[in-house]
N, C-alpha and C. Protein backbone atom coordinates (compact mmCIF):
# COMPACT_ATOMS: atom_id res chain seq x y z
N MET A 1 33.42 -198.57 -196.51
CA MET A 1 34.67 -199.10 -196.98
C MET A 1 35.72 -198.00 -196.91
N LYS A 2 36.89 -198.34 -196.46
CA LYS A 2 37.96 -197.35 -196.32
C LYS A 2 38.60 -197.05 -197.66
N ASP A 3 39.22 -195.84 -197.74
CA ASP A 3 39.84 -195.40 -198.98
C ASP A 3 40.90 -196.38 -199.47
N ASP A 4 41.69 -196.93 -198.56
CA ASP A 4 42.74 -197.87 -198.97
C ASP A 4 42.15 -199.12 -199.59
N GLN A 5 41.02 -199.59 -199.06
CA GLN A 5 40.36 -200.76 -199.64
C GLN A 5 39.82 -200.45 -201.03
N ILE A 6 39.22 -199.29 -201.20
CA ILE A 6 38.68 -198.89 -202.51
C ILE A 6 39.82 -198.78 -203.52
N LYS A 7 40.91 -198.13 -203.11
CA LYS A 7 42.05 -197.95 -204.01
C LYS A 7 42.64 -199.31 -204.40
N GLY A 8 42.74 -200.23 -203.47
CA GLY A 8 43.28 -201.54 -203.78
C GLY A 8 42.37 -202.36 -204.67
N TYR A 9 41.10 -202.30 -204.40
CA TYR A 9 40.15 -203.11 -205.15
C TYR A 9 40.03 -202.65 -206.59
N PHE A 10 39.97 -201.35 -206.82
CA PHE A 10 39.77 -200.81 -208.16
C PHE A 10 41.06 -200.29 -208.81
N ALA A 11 42.19 -200.48 -208.17
CA ALA A 11 43.48 -199.97 -208.66
C ALA A 11 43.41 -198.46 -208.87
N PHE A 12 42.85 -197.75 -207.89
CA PHE A 12 42.74 -196.30 -207.92
C PHE A 12 43.92 -195.68 -207.21
N GLU A 13 44.15 -194.42 -207.53
CA GLU A 13 45.12 -193.62 -206.80
C GLU A 13 44.34 -192.52 -206.07
N ASP A 14 45.04 -191.77 -205.22
CA ASP A 14 44.37 -190.67 -204.50
C ASP A 14 43.73 -189.67 -205.46
N SER A 15 44.41 -189.39 -206.58
CA SER A 15 43.86 -188.43 -207.55
C SER A 15 42.57 -188.95 -208.18
N ASP A 16 42.47 -190.27 -208.37
CA ASP A 16 41.25 -190.85 -208.92
C ASP A 16 40.09 -190.68 -207.95
N LEU A 17 40.33 -191.01 -206.68
CA LEU A 17 39.28 -190.87 -205.67
C LEU A 17 38.84 -189.42 -205.51
N LEU A 18 39.79 -188.52 -205.48
CA LEU A 18 39.47 -187.10 -205.34
C LEU A 18 38.62 -186.62 -206.52
N ALA A 19 39.02 -186.99 -207.73
CA ALA A 19 38.27 -186.58 -208.92
C ALA A 19 36.86 -187.17 -208.89
N ASN A 20 36.74 -188.45 -208.54
CA ASN A 20 35.43 -189.11 -208.51
C ASN A 20 34.51 -188.49 -207.48
N ARG A 21 35.07 -188.10 -206.35
CA ARG A 21 34.24 -187.51 -205.30
C ARG A 21 33.74 -186.12 -205.67
N THR A 22 34.40 -185.49 -206.64
CA THR A 22 33.93 -184.19 -207.12
C THR A 22 33.07 -184.33 -208.37
N GLY A 23 32.73 -185.58 -208.73
CA GLY A 23 31.81 -185.81 -209.85
C GLY A 23 32.46 -185.84 -211.21
N ARG A 24 33.75 -186.10 -211.29
CA ARG A 24 34.41 -186.16 -212.59
C ARG A 24 35.39 -187.33 -212.61
N LEU A 25 35.92 -187.62 -213.78
CA LEU A 25 36.93 -188.67 -213.93
C LEU A 25 38.32 -188.06 -213.89
N SER A 26 39.28 -188.81 -213.38
CA SER A 26 40.67 -188.36 -213.39
C SER A 26 41.24 -188.52 -214.80
N ASP A 27 42.37 -187.88 -215.06
CA ASP A 27 43.02 -188.00 -216.37
C ASP A 27 43.39 -189.45 -216.66
N LYS A 28 43.83 -190.17 -215.64
CA LYS A 28 44.20 -191.58 -215.81
C LYS A 28 42.98 -192.42 -216.19
N GLN A 29 41.84 -192.17 -215.56
CA GLN A 29 40.62 -192.91 -215.88
C GLN A 29 40.13 -192.58 -217.29
N ILE A 30 40.20 -191.31 -217.67
CA ILE A 30 39.79 -190.91 -219.02
C ILE A 30 40.68 -191.61 -220.05
N SER A 31 41.97 -191.65 -219.80
CA SER A 31 42.90 -192.31 -220.71
C SER A 31 42.58 -193.79 -220.84
N ARG A 32 42.29 -194.45 -219.72
CA ARG A 32 41.97 -195.88 -219.74
C ARG A 32 40.68 -196.14 -220.51
N ILE A 33 39.68 -195.29 -220.33
CA ILE A 33 38.41 -195.44 -221.05
C ILE A 33 38.62 -195.22 -222.54
N LYS A 34 39.41 -194.21 -222.90
CA LYS A 34 39.67 -193.94 -224.32
C LYS A 34 40.40 -195.10 -224.99
N LYS A 35 41.37 -195.70 -224.29
CA LYS A 35 42.08 -196.85 -224.86
C LYS A 35 41.13 -198.01 -225.10
N ALA A 36 40.27 -198.30 -224.13
CA ALA A 36 39.31 -199.39 -224.29
C ALA A 36 38.33 -199.08 -225.42
N ASP A 37 37.92 -197.83 -225.54
CA ASP A 37 36.98 -197.42 -226.58
C ASP A 37 37.64 -197.53 -227.95
N GLN A 38 38.91 -197.15 -228.07
CA GLN A 38 39.62 -197.25 -229.35
C GLN A 38 39.76 -198.70 -229.78
N PHE A 39 40.08 -199.59 -228.83
CA PHE A 39 40.20 -201.01 -229.16
C PHE A 39 38.86 -201.55 -229.65
N ALA A 40 37.79 -201.22 -228.93
CA ALA A 40 36.46 -201.70 -229.31
C ALA A 40 36.06 -201.18 -230.68
N GLU A 41 36.36 -199.92 -230.95
CA GLU A 41 36.00 -199.34 -232.25
C GLU A 41 36.79 -200.00 -233.38
N ARG A 42 38.07 -200.25 -233.17
CA ARG A 42 38.86 -200.94 -234.19
C ARG A 42 38.33 -202.34 -234.45
N PHE A 43 37.96 -203.03 -233.39
CA PHE A 43 37.41 -204.39 -233.52
C PHE A 43 36.12 -204.36 -234.33
N ILE A 44 35.25 -203.42 -234.03
CA ILE A 44 33.96 -203.32 -234.72
C ILE A 44 34.16 -202.91 -236.18
N VAL A 45 35.11 -202.01 -236.46
CA VAL A 45 35.40 -201.65 -237.85
C VAL A 45 35.92 -202.87 -238.61
N GLY A 46 36.74 -203.68 -237.95
CA GLY A 46 37.21 -204.92 -238.56
C GLY A 46 36.06 -205.86 -238.90
N LEU A 47 35.13 -206.02 -237.96
CA LEU A 47 33.95 -206.84 -238.24
C LEU A 47 33.15 -206.29 -239.41
N PHE A 48 32.98 -204.96 -239.43
CA PHE A 48 32.25 -204.32 -240.52
C PHE A 48 32.90 -204.66 -241.86
N LEU A 49 34.22 -204.52 -241.96
CA LEU A 49 34.91 -204.80 -243.22
C LEU A 49 34.80 -206.26 -243.63
N ILE A 50 34.90 -207.17 -242.66
CA ILE A 50 34.77 -208.60 -242.96
C ILE A 50 33.36 -208.90 -243.46
N PHE A 51 32.34 -208.41 -242.77
CA PHE A 51 30.95 -208.67 -243.19
C PHE A 51 30.66 -208.03 -244.54
N LEU A 52 31.14 -206.82 -244.76
CA LEU A 52 30.90 -206.12 -246.03
C LEU A 52 31.58 -206.86 -247.19
N THR A 53 32.84 -207.26 -246.97
CA THR A 53 33.56 -207.99 -248.01
C THR A 53 32.87 -209.32 -248.32
N GLY A 54 32.48 -210.03 -247.28
CA GLY A 54 31.77 -211.30 -247.48
C GLY A 54 30.44 -211.10 -248.20
N GLY A 55 29.72 -210.04 -247.84
CA GLY A 55 28.44 -209.75 -248.50
C GLY A 55 28.63 -209.43 -249.97
N ILE A 56 29.65 -208.64 -250.28
CA ILE A 56 29.94 -208.31 -251.69
C ILE A 56 30.32 -209.58 -252.45
N PHE A 57 31.17 -210.40 -251.84
CA PHE A 57 31.59 -211.65 -252.49
C PHE A 57 30.38 -212.54 -252.78
N LEU A 58 29.53 -212.75 -251.78
CA LEU A 58 28.35 -213.59 -252.01
C LEU A 58 27.37 -212.93 -252.97
N GLY A 59 27.30 -211.60 -252.96
CA GLY A 59 26.45 -210.90 -253.92
C GLY A 59 26.90 -211.13 -255.34
N VAL A 60 28.22 -211.08 -255.58
CA VAL A 60 28.76 -211.35 -256.92
C VAL A 60 28.46 -212.80 -257.31
N LEU A 61 28.65 -213.74 -256.38
CA LEU A 61 28.32 -215.14 -256.66
C LEU A 61 26.84 -215.32 -256.95
N ALA A 62 26.00 -214.58 -256.24
CA ALA A 62 24.55 -214.68 -256.46
C ALA A 62 24.18 -214.21 -257.86
N PHE A 63 24.84 -213.14 -258.34
CA PHE A 63 24.55 -212.66 -259.70
C PHE A 63 25.01 -213.67 -260.75
N SER A 64 26.15 -214.32 -260.51
CA SER A 64 26.67 -215.27 -261.50
C SER A 64 25.92 -216.60 -261.48
N ALA A 65 25.43 -217.02 -260.33
CA ALA A 65 24.67 -218.28 -260.20
C ALA A 65 23.23 -217.92 -259.85
N ARG A 66 22.49 -217.45 -260.81
CA ARG A 66 21.15 -216.89 -260.58
C ARG A 66 20.17 -217.86 -259.95
N SER A 67 20.39 -219.13 -260.09
CA SER A 67 19.41 -220.08 -259.58
C SER A 67 19.64 -220.46 -258.12
N ASN A 68 20.74 -220.03 -257.52
CA ASN A 68 21.06 -220.44 -256.15
C ASN A 68 20.62 -219.35 -255.17
N ILE A 69 19.53 -219.62 -254.45
CA ILE A 69 18.98 -218.66 -253.48
C ILE A 69 19.87 -218.54 -252.25
N GLY A 70 20.69 -219.55 -251.97
CA GLY A 70 21.55 -219.54 -250.79
C GLY A 70 22.54 -218.39 -250.80
N PHE A 71 23.08 -218.09 -251.99
CA PHE A 71 24.01 -216.95 -252.09
C PHE A 71 23.32 -215.64 -251.77
N TRP A 72 22.08 -215.49 -252.26
CA TRP A 72 21.32 -214.25 -251.99
C TRP A 72 21.05 -214.10 -250.49
N ILE A 73 20.65 -215.20 -249.86
CA ILE A 73 20.35 -215.16 -248.43
C ILE A 73 21.63 -214.87 -247.63
N GLY A 74 22.72 -215.54 -248.01
CA GLY A 74 24.00 -215.30 -247.32
C GLY A 74 24.46 -213.86 -247.47
N ALA A 75 24.34 -213.31 -248.69
CA ALA A 75 24.73 -211.92 -248.93
C ALA A 75 23.87 -210.98 -248.09
N LEU A 76 22.57 -211.22 -248.06
CA LEU A 76 21.67 -210.38 -247.28
C LEU A 76 22.02 -210.42 -245.79
N ILE A 77 22.28 -211.60 -245.27
CA ILE A 77 22.65 -211.73 -243.85
C ILE A 77 23.94 -210.97 -243.56
N LEU A 78 24.93 -211.11 -244.43
CA LEU A 78 26.20 -210.41 -244.20
C LEU A 78 26.05 -208.90 -244.32
N PHE A 79 25.19 -208.42 -245.22
CA PHE A 79 24.96 -206.97 -245.31
C PHE A 79 24.24 -206.45 -244.07
N VAL A 80 23.32 -207.24 -243.53
CA VAL A 80 22.64 -206.83 -242.29
C VAL A 80 23.65 -206.78 -241.14
N LEU A 81 24.53 -207.78 -241.06
CA LEU A 81 25.56 -207.78 -240.02
C LEU A 81 26.54 -206.62 -240.20
N ALA A 82 26.85 -206.28 -241.45
CA ALA A 82 27.72 -205.13 -241.70
C ALA A 82 27.05 -203.84 -241.22
N GLY A 83 25.75 -203.71 -241.46
CA GLY A 83 25.02 -202.54 -240.97
C GLY A 83 25.01 -202.48 -239.45
N TRP A 84 24.84 -203.64 -238.81
CA TRP A 84 24.87 -203.69 -237.35
C TRP A 84 26.24 -203.27 -236.83
N ALA A 85 27.31 -203.77 -237.46
CA ALA A 85 28.66 -203.41 -237.02
C ALA A 85 28.93 -201.93 -237.25
N PHE A 86 28.47 -201.39 -238.39
CA PHE A 86 28.67 -199.97 -238.67
C PHE A 86 27.98 -199.11 -237.63
N ARG A 87 26.78 -199.51 -237.24
CA ARG A 87 26.05 -198.77 -236.21
C ARG A 87 26.82 -198.77 -234.89
N GLY A 88 27.53 -199.86 -234.60
CA GLY A 88 28.31 -199.95 -233.38
C GLY A 88 29.45 -198.96 -233.31
N THR A 89 29.94 -198.50 -234.48
CA THR A 89 31.01 -197.51 -234.47
C THR A 89 30.49 -196.12 -234.15
N ARG A 90 29.20 -195.93 -234.18
CA ARG A 90 28.61 -194.61 -233.95
C ARG A 90 28.06 -194.44 -232.53
N VAL A 91 28.33 -195.38 -231.65
CA VAL A 91 27.85 -195.32 -230.27
C VAL A 91 28.96 -194.77 -229.40
N ASP A 92 28.68 -193.70 -228.67
CA ASP A 92 29.66 -193.12 -227.77
C ASP A 92 29.52 -193.71 -226.38
N MET A 93 30.65 -193.90 -225.71
CA MET A 93 30.65 -194.44 -224.36
C MET A 93 30.24 -193.34 -223.38
N ASP A 94 29.39 -193.69 -222.44
CA ASP A 94 28.98 -192.74 -221.41
C ASP A 94 30.02 -192.76 -220.30
N ASP A 95 30.70 -191.62 -220.11
CA ASP A 95 31.73 -191.55 -219.07
C ASP A 95 31.32 -190.63 -217.92
N ALA A 96 30.02 -190.51 -217.71
CA ALA A 96 29.53 -189.66 -216.63
C ALA A 96 29.80 -190.34 -215.28
N VAL A 97 30.10 -189.53 -214.30
CA VAL A 97 30.32 -190.02 -212.94
C VAL A 97 29.06 -189.76 -212.13
N GLN A 98 28.56 -190.81 -211.50
CA GLN A 98 27.39 -190.66 -210.66
C GLN A 98 27.80 -190.87 -209.22
N LYS A 99 27.06 -190.26 -208.31
CA LYS A 99 27.41 -190.34 -206.90
C LYS A 99 26.38 -191.17 -206.16
N VAL A 100 26.88 -192.11 -205.37
CA VAL A 100 26.04 -192.96 -204.53
C VAL A 100 26.69 -193.02 -203.16
N GLN A 101 25.90 -192.90 -202.13
CA GLN A 101 26.43 -192.99 -200.78
C GLN A 101 25.71 -194.11 -200.03
N GLY A 102 26.43 -194.71 -199.12
CA GLY A 102 25.85 -195.76 -198.31
C GLY A 102 26.89 -196.82 -198.01
N GLU A 103 26.44 -197.84 -197.31
CA GLU A 103 27.33 -198.93 -196.96
C GLU A 103 27.65 -199.76 -198.20
N VAL A 104 28.93 -200.16 -198.33
CA VAL A 104 29.38 -200.93 -199.48
C VAL A 104 29.41 -202.41 -199.12
N ASN A 105 28.78 -203.22 -199.98
CA ASN A 105 28.80 -204.67 -199.81
C ASN A 105 29.18 -205.29 -201.15
N PHE A 106 30.10 -206.24 -201.11
CA PHE A 106 30.46 -207.00 -202.31
C PHE A 106 29.81 -208.36 -202.20
N ILE A 107 29.13 -208.77 -203.27
CA ILE A 107 28.43 -210.04 -203.29
C ILE A 107 28.99 -210.87 -204.44
N LYS A 108 29.40 -212.09 -204.13
CA LYS A 108 29.89 -213.00 -205.17
C LYS A 108 28.68 -213.73 -205.74
N VAL A 109 28.52 -213.64 -207.06
CA VAL A 109 27.39 -214.28 -207.75
C VAL A 109 27.95 -215.44 -208.56
N GLU A 110 27.41 -216.63 -208.34
CA GLU A 110 27.85 -217.81 -209.09
C GLU A 110 26.70 -218.31 -209.94
N LYS A 111 27.01 -218.56 -211.22
CA LYS A 111 26.02 -219.07 -212.17
C LYS A 111 26.61 -220.24 -212.92
N GLN A 112 25.74 -221.08 -213.45
CA GLN A 112 26.20 -222.19 -214.28
C GLN A 112 25.97 -221.86 -215.74
N THR A 113 26.94 -222.23 -216.58
CA THR A 113 26.82 -221.99 -218.01
C THR A 113 26.08 -223.15 -218.66
N GLY A 114 25.64 -222.94 -219.88
CA GLY A 114 25.02 -224.00 -220.66
C GLY A 114 23.53 -224.11 -220.41
N ALA A 115 22.90 -224.90 -221.26
CA ALA A 115 21.45 -225.09 -221.20
C ALA A 115 21.10 -226.11 -220.12
N THR A 116 20.05 -225.85 -219.41
CA THR A 116 19.61 -226.79 -218.37
C THR A 116 18.89 -227.98 -218.97
N THR A 117 18.44 -227.87 -220.21
CA THR A 117 17.68 -228.96 -220.83
C THR A 117 18.58 -230.01 -221.47
N ASP A 118 19.84 -229.67 -221.74
CA ASP A 118 20.77 -230.60 -222.38
C ASP A 118 21.64 -231.25 -221.31
N SER A 119 21.34 -232.50 -221.00
CA SER A 119 22.07 -233.19 -219.93
C SER A 119 23.47 -233.61 -220.37
N SER A 120 23.72 -233.67 -221.68
CA SER A 120 25.04 -234.09 -222.15
C SER A 120 26.05 -232.94 -222.17
N ALA A 121 25.56 -231.71 -222.09
CA ALA A 121 26.46 -230.56 -222.12
C ALA A 121 27.16 -230.41 -220.77
N LYS A 122 28.45 -230.13 -220.84
CA LYS A 122 29.21 -229.91 -219.61
C LYS A 122 28.97 -228.48 -219.14
N ARG A 123 28.53 -228.33 -217.92
CA ARG A 123 28.23 -227.02 -217.36
C ARG A 123 29.36 -226.61 -216.42
N MET A 124 29.67 -225.32 -216.45
CA MET A 124 30.73 -224.79 -215.59
C MET A 124 30.15 -223.72 -214.69
N ASN A 125 30.74 -223.58 -213.51
CA ASN A 125 30.38 -222.48 -212.62
C ASN A 125 31.19 -221.25 -213.00
N VAL A 126 30.49 -220.12 -213.14
CA VAL A 126 31.13 -218.85 -213.48
C VAL A 126 30.84 -217.87 -212.36
N SER A 127 31.88 -217.19 -211.88
CA SER A 127 31.72 -216.25 -210.78
C SER A 127 31.87 -214.82 -211.26
N SER A 128 31.10 -213.93 -210.67
CA SER A 128 31.26 -212.49 -210.88
C SER A 128 30.94 -211.82 -209.56
N TYR A 129 31.20 -210.54 -209.49
CA TYR A 129 30.95 -209.80 -208.26
C TYR A 129 30.00 -208.64 -208.53
N GLU A 130 29.16 -208.38 -207.56
CA GLU A 130 28.30 -207.21 -207.59
C GLU A 130 28.64 -206.35 -206.39
N MET A 131 28.69 -205.06 -206.60
CA MET A 131 28.93 -204.12 -205.52
C MET A 131 27.62 -203.40 -205.25
N CYS A 132 27.13 -203.48 -204.04
CA CYS A 132 25.90 -202.82 -203.66
C CYS A 132 26.25 -201.62 -202.77
N VAL A 133 25.77 -200.45 -203.20
CA VAL A 133 26.02 -199.22 -202.44
C VAL A 133 24.72 -198.44 -202.40
N GLY A 134 24.23 -198.18 -201.21
CA GLY A 134 23.04 -197.35 -201.06
C GLY A 134 21.86 -197.81 -201.89
N GLY A 135 21.64 -199.10 -202.02
CA GLY A 135 20.51 -199.62 -202.77
C GLY A 135 20.77 -199.76 -204.26
N GLU A 136 21.93 -199.34 -204.75
CA GLU A 136 22.30 -199.48 -206.16
C GLU A 136 23.22 -200.69 -206.31
N VAL A 137 23.08 -201.42 -207.42
CA VAL A 137 23.92 -202.58 -207.69
C VAL A 137 24.79 -202.30 -208.89
N PHE A 138 26.10 -202.58 -208.77
CA PHE A 138 27.06 -202.39 -209.85
C PHE A 138 27.78 -203.70 -210.05
N VAL A 139 27.92 -204.13 -211.31
CA VAL A 139 28.70 -205.31 -211.63
C VAL A 139 30.15 -204.87 -211.75
N VAL A 140 31.04 -205.54 -211.05
CA VAL A 140 32.45 -205.16 -211.04
C VAL A 140 33.30 -206.32 -211.50
N PRO A 141 34.48 -206.05 -212.08
CA PRO A 141 35.36 -207.15 -212.50
C PRO A 141 35.92 -207.87 -211.28
N ILE A 142 36.36 -209.08 -211.52
CA ILE A 142 36.98 -209.86 -210.45
C ILE A 142 38.26 -209.16 -210.04
N PRO A 143 38.52 -208.99 -208.75
CA PRO A 143 39.71 -208.26 -208.30
C PRO A 143 40.99 -208.93 -208.77
N HIS A 144 42.02 -208.10 -208.90
CA HIS A 144 43.33 -208.58 -209.38
C HIS A 144 44.02 -209.36 -208.29
């Protein structure tokens, strides 16, 4: 694949390609990854706060209505979800650049959504692309 095609497909600039070919990310790519990571972290912190608040609320209700096991189960589920969300804030994104050489092929993959056993459910076709380079497969976003 030619450089112009790669730049157009991935919205790269010459500096991005040069940096990637030397095994590192360009400043623009690092900035884009950091922005996406910040958004994801804020979203997960929001989920953590919602689950924690809901768990505390149901926990207080469980103490006041001692005979209702549903509040205890709900509080426990929300505390487990809060723990899961908190763990998500501690995961760092891997921004390592790996090198692969070979012929580039883009493959359009089409799948149907929904369960195959439920005939009443409306199923839709969903498309994605895979990029195959030197025996490696990468899932890529749909081009702009």
